[in-house]
N, C-alpha and C. Protein backbone atom coordinates (compact mmCIF):
# COMPACT_ATOMS: atom_id res chain seq x y z
N GLY A 1 0.81 -1.18 0.00
CA GLY A 1 0.00 0.00 0.00
C GLY A 1 0.85 1.24 0.00
N ALA A 2 0.19 2.34 -0.06
CA ALA A 2 0.86 3.63 -0.07
C ALA A 2 0.09 4.60 0.81
N PHE A 3 0.69 5.72 1.07
CA PHE A 3 0.02 6.74 1.86
C PHE A 3 -0.40 7.89 0.96
N THR A 4 -1.29 8.73 1.48
CA THR A 4 -1.77 9.86 0.70
C THR A 4 -0.68 10.90 0.52
N ALA A 5 -0.71 11.60 -0.58
CA ALA A 5 0.27 12.65 -0.86
C ALA A 5 -0.49 13.87 -1.40
N PHE A 6 -0.89 14.74 -0.51
CA PHE A 6 -1.61 15.95 -0.92
C PHE A 6 -0.65 16.95 -1.53
N GLU A 7 -1.16 17.76 -2.43
CA GLU A 7 -0.38 18.87 -2.96
C GLU A 7 -0.36 19.98 -1.91
N PRO A 8 0.58 20.92 -1.99
CA PRO A 8 0.63 21.99 -1.01
C PRO A 8 -0.71 22.72 -0.89
N GLY A 9 -1.21 22.85 0.32
CA GLY A 9 -2.46 23.55 0.59
C GLY A 9 -3.70 22.68 0.52
N GLN A 10 -3.64 21.57 -0.22
CA GLN A 10 -4.80 20.69 -0.36
C GLN A 10 -5.21 20.08 0.97
N GLU A 11 -4.23 19.75 1.77
CA GLU A 11 -4.48 19.08 3.04
C GLU A 11 -5.48 19.86 3.88
N LEU A 12 -5.22 21.12 4.09
CA LEU A 12 -6.12 21.94 4.91
C LEU A 12 -7.41 22.30 4.18
N GLU A 13 -7.33 22.43 2.86
CA GLU A 13 -8.51 22.77 2.06
C GLU A 13 -9.52 21.62 2.05
N LEU A 14 -9.04 20.39 1.91
CA LEU A 14 -9.92 19.23 1.77
C LEU A 14 -10.28 18.56 3.09
N PHE A 15 -9.51 18.81 4.13
CA PHE A 15 -9.70 18.13 5.41
C PHE A 15 -11.15 18.17 5.91
N PRO A 16 -11.84 19.32 5.86
CA PRO A 16 -13.23 19.35 6.36
C PRO A 16 -14.19 18.45 5.58
N TYR A 17 -13.84 18.09 4.36
CA TYR A 17 -14.72 17.26 3.53
C TYR A 17 -14.41 15.77 3.63
N ILE A 18 -13.24 15.43 4.16
CA ILE A 18 -12.80 14.03 4.25
C ILE A 18 -13.31 13.37 5.52
N THR A 19 -13.41 14.11 6.60
CA THR A 19 -13.68 13.50 7.91
C THR A 19 -15.14 13.31 8.30
N PRO A 20 -16.10 14.11 7.85
CA PRO A 20 -17.46 13.92 8.37
C PRO A 20 -18.10 12.62 7.90
N PRO A 21 -18.92 12.02 8.75
CA PRO A 21 -19.63 10.80 8.34
C PRO A 21 -20.68 11.11 7.28
N SER A 22 -21.04 10.09 6.54
CA SER A 22 -22.11 10.18 5.55
C SER A 22 -23.21 9.23 6.00
N GLY A 23 -24.17 9.78 6.74
CA GLY A 23 -25.19 8.93 7.34
C GLY A 23 -24.57 8.04 8.40
N LYS A 24 -24.74 6.74 8.24
CA LYS A 24 -24.18 5.79 9.20
C LYS A 24 -22.78 5.31 8.81
N VAL A 25 -22.25 5.83 7.73
CA VAL A 25 -20.91 5.44 7.27
C VAL A 25 -19.90 6.45 7.81
N HIS A 26 -18.92 5.95 8.55
CA HIS A 26 -17.87 6.79 9.12
C HIS A 26 -16.55 6.47 8.43
N PHE A 27 -15.71 7.46 8.28
CA PHE A 27 -14.45 7.29 7.56
C PHE A 27 -13.28 7.40 8.52
N ALA A 28 -12.44 6.38 8.52
CA ALA A 28 -11.25 6.35 9.36
C ALA A 28 -10.07 5.90 8.51
N GLY A 29 -8.90 6.23 8.95
CA GLY A 29 -7.67 5.86 8.26
C GLY A 29 -6.70 7.02 8.30
N GLU A 30 -5.45 6.73 8.04
CA GLU A 30 -4.44 7.78 8.13
C GLU A 30 -4.74 8.95 7.20
N HIS A 31 -5.44 8.67 6.10
CA HIS A 31 -5.75 9.73 5.13
C HIS A 31 -6.79 10.72 5.64
N THR A 32 -7.44 10.42 6.76
CA THR A 32 -8.46 11.32 7.31
C THR A 32 -7.93 12.17 8.46
N THR A 33 -6.61 12.23 8.61
CA THR A 33 -6.01 13.04 9.67
C THR A 33 -4.96 13.97 9.08
N LEU A 34 -4.52 14.90 9.89
CA LEU A 34 -3.44 15.79 9.45
C LEU A 34 -2.08 15.14 9.61
N THR A 35 -2.02 13.95 10.22
CA THR A 35 -0.77 13.20 10.32
C THR A 35 -0.85 11.99 9.38
N HIS A 36 -1.24 12.26 8.13
CA HIS A 36 -1.40 11.18 7.17
C HIS A 36 -0.04 10.56 6.85
N GLY A 37 -0.09 9.28 6.53
CA GLY A 37 1.14 8.56 6.19
C GLY A 37 1.80 7.90 7.38
N TRP A 38 1.21 8.02 8.56
CA TRP A 38 1.83 7.46 9.77
C TRP A 38 0.80 6.67 10.56
N MET A 39 1.28 5.71 11.35
CA MET A 39 0.40 4.93 12.23
C MET A 39 -0.35 5.84 13.19
N GLN A 40 0.30 6.91 13.63
CA GLN A 40 -0.34 7.86 14.54
C GLN A 40 -1.64 8.38 13.95
N GLY A 41 -1.64 8.68 12.66
CA GLY A 41 -2.85 9.16 12.00
C GLY A 41 -3.95 8.12 11.98
N ALA A 42 -3.58 6.86 11.75
CA ALA A 42 -4.58 5.79 11.75
C ALA A 42 -5.19 5.63 13.14
N ILE A 43 -4.37 5.70 14.16
CA ILE A 43 -4.87 5.58 15.54
C ILE A 43 -5.76 6.76 15.88
N GLU A 44 -5.32 7.97 15.54
CA GLU A 44 -6.13 9.17 15.81
C GLU A 44 -7.50 9.06 15.15
N SER A 45 -7.54 8.60 13.92
CA SER A 45 -8.82 8.51 13.22
C SER A 45 -9.71 7.44 13.82
N GLY A 46 -9.13 6.34 14.26
CA GLY A 46 -9.92 5.29 14.91
C GLY A 46 -10.56 5.79 16.19
N VAL A 47 -9.81 6.54 16.97
CA VAL A 47 -10.34 7.11 18.21
C VAL A 47 -11.45 8.11 17.88
N ARG A 48 -11.21 8.96 16.88
CA ARG A 48 -12.22 9.96 16.48
C ARG A 48 -13.52 9.28 16.07
N VAL A 49 -13.43 8.27 15.24
CA VAL A 49 -14.63 7.58 14.76
C VAL A 49 -15.32 6.83 15.89
N ALA A 50 -14.56 6.27 16.81
CA ALA A 50 -15.18 5.59 17.96
C ALA A 50 -16.02 6.57 18.76
N TYR A 51 -15.51 7.79 18.96
CA TYR A 51 -16.29 8.81 19.66
C TYR A 51 -17.52 9.21 18.86
N GLU A 52 -17.37 9.36 17.54
CA GLU A 52 -18.52 9.73 16.70
C GLU A 52 -19.62 8.68 16.79
N VAL A 53 -19.26 7.41 16.68
CA VAL A 53 -20.25 6.33 16.73
C VAL A 53 -20.90 6.27 18.10
N ASN A 54 -20.11 6.47 19.14
CA ASN A 54 -20.63 6.42 20.51
C ASN A 54 -21.62 7.55 20.77
N GLU A 55 -21.44 8.69 20.13
CA GLU A 55 -22.33 9.83 20.33
C GLU A 55 -23.66 9.67 19.60
N GLN A 56 -23.74 8.79 18.61
CA GLN A 56 -24.99 8.63 17.84
C GLN A 56 -26.00 7.81 18.60
């Protein structure tokens, strides 16, 4: 596999559109964090989605 590679500025521009759930579908993975490309990002997104699901 590979990690995401945003162009300069895309990361902050697209971030608000990558993370929100779509109905009951939640998105997690290193590509949904600002620390993309690292295990830390995958863990952060898993924790974020766990909180989102728990709040529903």
